[in-house]
Amino acid sequence: LYGAVSSENLRDVARRKGQTLAATCEVFARDFAAEMAQLHEAIVHRRATAARLAHQLAGRLGFVRAAEAAQIALDLEQAIRSQRWEETAALEERLAAEWEQVRAQFSLWSADPAG
């Protein structure tokens, strides 16, 4: 996973906003976690917004080139649209696990003095 994740886009955002990479990663992670929580609630209550939220998360993951995690989010979106709820639960767990790996990479970038 780590080889596939890229800080390039986050570094661009940090430069444009005059922030450190660490601050930009923190904002990204906070927003992503909030959207994951919203997605979980939408899935639990089988709300129509769940598929859109999964798609948004796929886009965020694509932004940092976390291809495997982004694909899981897209698979989750399709499972939600097809109302395959058992598959949805398993994909949500996989997405959460992949997100933890991406977040761990963010921590490494944030600790890098060059960042």
Protein backbone atom coordinates (compact mmCIF):
# COMPACT_ATOMS: atom_id res chain seq x y z
CA LEU A 1 0.00 0.00 0.00
CA TYR A 2 2.62 2.57 1.00
CA GLY A 3 4.29 2.53 -2.37
CA ALA A 4 0.96 3.35 -4.02
CA VAL A 5 0.10 6.29 -1.76
CA SER A 6 1.45 9.67 -2.82
CA SER A 7 1.87 12.92 -0.92
CA GLU A 8 2.22 14.94 -4.14
CA ASN A 9 -1.33 16.36 -4.20
CA LEU A 10 -1.31 17.04 -0.47
CA ARG A 11 2.01 18.86 -0.81
CA ASP A 12 0.47 21.01 -3.57
CA VAL A 13 -2.49 21.85 -1.33
CA ALA A 14 -0.14 22.67 1.56
CA ARG A 15 1.90 25.00 -0.64
CA ARG A 16 -1.19 26.78 -1.99
CA LYS A 17 -2.59 27.27 1.51
CA GLY A 18 0.75 28.16 3.10
CA GLN A 19 0.47 25.18 5.46
CA THR A 20 2.84 22.44 6.47
CA LEU A 21 2.30 18.99 5.03
CA ALA A 22 1.54 17.82 8.57
CA ALA A 23 -1.30 20.37 8.92
CA THR A 24 -2.72 19.45 5.53
CA CYS A 25 -2.59 15.73 6.39
CA GLU A 26 -4.32 16.45 9.69
CA VAL A 27 -7.19 18.28 7.98
CA PHE A 28 -7.50 15.55 5.35
CA ALA A 29 -7.54 12.84 8.03
CA ARG A 30 -10.07 14.69 10.19
CA ASP A 31 -12.42 15.24 7.25
CA PHE A 32 -12.00 11.66 6.04
CA ALA A 33 -12.77 10.26 9.51
CA ALA A 34 -15.91 12.43 9.74
CA GLU A 35 -17.08 11.19 6.35
CA MET A 36 -16.36 7.58 7.34
CA ALA A 37 -18.54 8.08 10.42
CA GLN A 38 -21.31 9.57 8.25
CA LEU A 39 -20.99 6.64 5.87
CA HIS A 40 -21.27 4.15 8.72
CA GLU A 41 -24.44 5.82 10.01
CA ALA A 42 -25.91 5.92 6.51
CA ILE A 43 -25.17 2.21 6.03
CA VAL A 44 -26.58 1.25 9.43
CA HIS A 45 -29.80 3.13 8.66
CA ARG A 46 -29.72 2.14 4.97
CA ARG A 47 -29.99 5.73 3.85
CA ALA A 48 -29.85 6.71 0.20
CA THR A 49 -26.87 8.98 0.93
CA ALA A 50 -24.61 5.99 1.68
CA ALA A 51 -23.62 5.37 -1.95
CA ARG A 52 -22.76 9.05 -2.51
CA LEU A 53 -20.64 9.08 0.65
CA ALA A 54 -18.76 5.96 -0.44
CA HIS A 55 -18.13 7.61 -3.82
CA GLN A 56 -16.79 10.77 -2.12
CA LEU A 57 -14.40 8.69 -0.04
CA ALA A 58 -13.19 6.92 -3.18
CA GLY A 59 -12.43 10.33 -4.65
CA ARG A 60 -10.52 11.42 -1.56
CA LEU A 61 -8.50 8.23 -1.62
CA GLY A 62 -7.81 8.68 -5.31
CA PHE A 63 -6.49 12.15 -4.54
CA VAL A 64 -3.68 10.60 -2.49
CA ARG A 65 -3.34 7.75 -4.98
CA ALA A 66 -4.38 5.09 -2.49
CA ALA A 67 -5.62 2.93 -5.36
CA GLU A 68 -6.49 -0.21 -3.39
CA ALA A 69 -8.46 1.71 -0.77
CA ALA A 70 -10.20 3.76 -3.48
CA GLN A 71 -11.25 0.56 -5.25
CA ILE A 72 -12.68 -0.83 -2.02
CA ALA A 73 -14.70 2.38 -1.61
CA LEU A 74 -16.01 2.03 -5.19
CA ASP A 75 -16.87 -1.63 -4.54
CA LEU A 76 -18.66 -0.49 -1.39
CA GLU A 77 -20.60 2.08 -3.39
CA GLN A 78 -21.77 -0.62 -5.81
CA ALA A 79 -22.69 -3.01 -2.99
CA ILE A 80 -24.78 -0.25 -1.39
CA ARG A 81 -26.51 0.59 -4.69
CA SER A 82 -27.29 -3.12 -5.15
CA GLN A 83 -28.42 -3.43 -1.51
CA ARG A 84 -25.98 -6.27 -0.83
CA TRP A 85 -25.87 -5.48 2.88
CA GLU A 86 -23.71 -8.40 4.07
CA GLU A 87 -21.09 -7.54 1.46
CA THR A 88 -21.43 -3.88 2.43
CA ALA A 89 -20.50 -4.62 6.04
CA ALA A 90 -17.40 -6.58 5.01
CA LEU A 91 -16.30 -3.87 2.56
CA GLU A 92 -16.79 -1.17 5.17
CA GLU A 93 -14.45 -3.09 7.49
CA ARG A 94 -11.87 -3.48 4.72
CA LEU A 95 -12.10 0.21 3.89
CA ALA A 96 -11.54 1.14 7.54
CA ALA A 97 -8.46 -1.12 7.67
CA GLU A 98 -7.04 0.35 4.46
CA TRP A 99 -7.70 3.86 5.76
CA GLU A 100 -5.62 3.07 8.87
CA GLN A 101 -2.70 2.18 6.60
CA VAL A 102 -3.10 5.41 4.64
CA ARG A 103 -3.27 7.36 7.88
CA ALA A 104 -0.09 5.66 9.08
CA GLN A 105 1.61 6.87 5.91
CA PHE A 106 0.37 10.40 6.65
CA SER A 107 2.09 10.15 10.04
CA LEU A 108 5.36 9.21 8.37
CA TRP A 109 5.08 12.15 5.96
CA SER A 110 4.21 14.51 8.80
CA ALA A 111 7.25 13.39 10.79
CA ASP A 112 9.57 13.99 7.82
CA PRO A 113 11.48 17.26 8.40
CA ALA A 114 11.50 17.82 4.62
CA GLY A 115 7.67 17.81 4.67
